[in-house]
Amino acid sequence: MIFHPRRRIPIRVGDIMTTPVITIHRDAKLEEAAKLMYDNRIGSVLVVDGSGKLVGIVTERDMIYAVSNLLVGKGIPVWEIMTENPITARPEDPLPSAIQKMVEARIRHLPVVDEEGKPVGMVSIRDLTDGLLAYLSIFGGLKVTT
């Protein structure tokens, strides 16, 4: 029997990230962020400054915080509830390292930024699930039905 080393398929963050990325300015109102998330059927929106650089993220969890603390309808800017300086990845990063970041930080959304710190994509748990399903259908013989 001939031994074949395990084959590796180098999947990068850029291969599965969602684009285009949905952003909002840090001074926009909380309600605008909620509307963007609802209209685009997404669980987070990236917060940028005037130059388009990532400064934060507003997630479903942040929205729950805002609702439970009666902040909705008061014209609160998103910077007041966002997570500042979120953990990020680059498009060329290996996917396993991005997954490890998400697991260790217990986050469901990982912004993807370019060398200037501007958002270019997002990796969510949904993206990881879709990527795994595609991988299994190609390499694992899994029959995918839609």
Protein backbone atom coordinates (compact mmCIF):
# COMPACT_ATOMS: atom_id res chain seq x y z
CA MET A 1 0.00 0.00 0.00
CA ILE A 2 1.32 3.45 -0.89
CA PHE A 3 0.91 6.16 1.72
CA HIS A 4 -0.31 9.52 0.45
CA PRO A 5 0.19 12.48 2.73
CA ARG A 6 -2.94 14.31 3.66
CA ARG A 7 -3.86 16.77 0.97
CA ARG A 8 -4.45 20.35 1.99
CA ILE A 9 -6.67 22.84 0.30
CA PRO A 10 -5.58 26.35 1.28
CA ILE A 11 -8.83 28.20 1.90
CA ARG A 12 -8.42 31.88 2.70
CA VAL A 13 -10.75 34.30 4.44
CA GLY A 14 -11.34 36.08 1.14
CA ASP A 15 -12.71 32.84 -0.34
CA ILE A 16 -15.75 32.78 1.94
CA MET A 17 -16.26 36.35 3.16
CA THR A 18 -19.48 38.14 2.30
CA THR A 19 -19.23 41.21 0.09
CA PRO A 20 -20.12 43.97 -0.33
CA VAL A 21 -19.75 44.92 3.28
CA ILE A 22 -22.49 47.00 4.92
CA THR A 23 -21.17 50.01 6.82
CA ILE A 24 -22.54 52.93 8.74
CA HIS A 25 -20.90 56.13 9.99
CA ARG A 26 -20.12 56.24 13.71
CA ASP A 27 -22.46 59.24 14.23
CA ALA A 28 -25.46 57.57 12.57
CA LYS A 29 -28.41 56.81 14.81
CA LEU A 30 -29.02 53.43 16.38
CA GLU A 31 -32.30 53.10 14.49
CA GLU A 32 -30.48 53.54 11.16
CA ALA A 33 -28.18 50.64 12.04
CA ALA A 34 -31.16 48.46 12.99
CA LYS A 35 -32.88 49.29 9.68
CA LEU A 36 -29.72 48.47 7.70
CA MET A 37 -29.40 45.14 9.47
CA TYR A 38 -33.06 44.29 8.91
CA ASP A 39 -33.17 45.40 5.25
CA ASN A 40 -29.98 43.49 4.39
CA ARG A 41 -30.83 40.44 6.51
CA ILE A 42 -27.53 40.62 8.39
CA GLY A 43 -26.56 40.22 12.03
CA SER A 44 -24.11 43.09 12.24
CA VAL A 45 -23.09 46.34 10.62
CA LEU A 46 -19.58 47.75 10.51
CA VAL A 47 -19.00 51.23 11.87
CA VAL A 48 -16.57 53.50 10.02
CA ASP A 49 -15.10 56.94 10.54
CA GLY A 50 -15.02 59.78 8.01
CA SER A 51 -12.13 58.21 6.09
CA GLY A 52 -13.90 54.83 5.83
CA LYS A 53 -11.66 53.13 8.39
CA LEU A 54 -13.24 50.50 10.65
CA VAL A 55 -13.76 51.80 14.18
CA GLY A 56 -16.40 49.41 15.52
CA ILE A 57 -19.15 46.88 14.97
CA VAL A 58 -22.80 46.84 16.00
CA THR A 59 -24.25 43.36 16.38
CA GLU A 60 -27.61 41.80 17.18
CA ARG A 61 -26.36 41.46 20.74
CA ASP A 62 -25.70 45.21 20.90
CA MET A 63 -29.23 45.83 19.62
CA ILE A 64 -30.66 43.61 22.37
CA TYR A 65 -28.69 45.67 24.87
CA ALA A 66 -30.13 48.88 23.41
CA VAL A 67 -33.71 47.59 23.50
CA SER A 68 -33.42 46.18 27.02
CA ASN A 69 -32.01 49.50 28.28
CA LEU A 70 -34.72 51.57 26.56
CA LEU A 71 -32.25 53.35 24.24
CA VAL A 72 -34.25 52.88 21.02
CA GLY A 73 -36.08 55.97 19.78
CA LYS A 74 -33.84 58.40 21.62
CA GLY A 75 -31.53 59.31 18.74
CA ILE A 76 -28.51 57.57 20.29
CA PRO A 77 -25.49 57.43 17.92
CA VAL A 78 -24.14 53.97 17.15
CA TRP A 79 -20.73 54.79 18.64
CA GLU A 80 -22.36 54.69 22.09
CA ILE A 81 -23.28 51.00 21.83
CA MET A 82 -20.78 49.62 19.31
CA THR A 83 -17.88 47.34 20.15
CA GLU A 84 -14.79 49.47 19.53
CA ASN A 85 -11.70 48.15 17.76
CA PRO A 86 -13.21 44.80 16.79
CA ILE A 87 -11.10 41.74 16.11
CA THR A 88 -10.44 41.55 12.37
CA ALA A 89 -8.95 39.40 9.65
CA ARG A 90 -7.37 40.08 6.27
CA PRO A 91 -8.58 38.49 3.00
CA GLU A 92 -5.31 36.57 2.61
CA ASP A 93 -5.42 35.06 6.13
CA PRO A 94 -5.85 31.27 6.27
CA LEU A 95 -9.43 30.37 7.16
CA PRO A 96 -8.45 28.19 10.16
CA SER A 97 -6.77 31.17 11.86
CA ALA A 98 -9.92 33.26 11.38
CA ILE A 99 -12.07 30.50 12.83
CA GLN A 100 -9.70 30.24 15.79
CA LYS A 101 -10.04 34.00 16.41
CA MET A 102 -13.83 33.69 16.37
CA VAL A 103 -13.86 30.71 18.73
CA GLU A 104 -11.39 32.22 21.20
CA ALA A 105 -13.18 35.59 21.29
CA ARG A 106 -16.64 33.96 21.23
CA ILE A 107 -17.79 36.16 18.35
CA ARG A 108 -20.12 35.38 15.45
CA HIS A 109 -18.97 38.13 13.07
CA LEU A 110 -15.41 38.80 11.95
CA PRO A 111 -14.81 41.96 9.90
CA VAL A 112 -12.31 41.64 7.07
CA VAL A 113 -10.16 44.71 6.42
CA ASP A 114 -7.55 45.78 3.90
CA GLU A 115 -4.07 47.08 4.70
CA GLU A 116 -5.51 50.55 5.42
CA GLY A 117 -8.01 49.21 7.95
CA LYS A 118 -10.99 49.72 5.66
CA PRO A 119 -13.66 47.01 5.62
CA VAL A 120 -13.76 44.80 2.53
CA GLY A 121 -15.90 41.91 3.77
CA MET A 122 -17.39 40.00 6.67
CA VAL A 123 -17.11 36.41 7.84
CA SER A 124 -20.08 35.23 9.85
CA ILE A 125 -21.06 31.90 11.32
CA ARG A 126 -23.42 31.60 8.33
CA ASP A 127 -20.48 32.01 5.93
CA LEU A 128 -18.56 29.29 7.77
CA THR A 129 -21.54 26.94 7.64
CA ASP A 130 -22.10 27.59 3.93
CA GLY A 131 -18.40 27.06 3.24
CA LEU A 132 -18.34 23.81 5.19
CA LEU A 133 -21.41 22.55 3.36
CA ALA A 134 -19.82 23.37 -0.02
CA TYR A 135 -16.58 21.65 1.02
CA LEU A 136 -18.43 18.53 2.17
CA SER A 137 -20.47 18.39 -1.03
CA ILE A 138 -17.30 18.55 -3.14
CA PHE A 139 -14.88 16.44 -1.13
CA GLY A 140 -17.04 14.42 1.21
CA GLY A 141 -19.60 13.03 -1.19
CA LEU A 142 -22.41 14.84 0.61
CA LYS A 143 -25.46 15.35 -1.57
CA VAL A 144 -26.73 18.89 -1.09
CA THR A 145 -30.37 19.61 -1.83
CA THR A 146 -31.88 23.05 -1.95
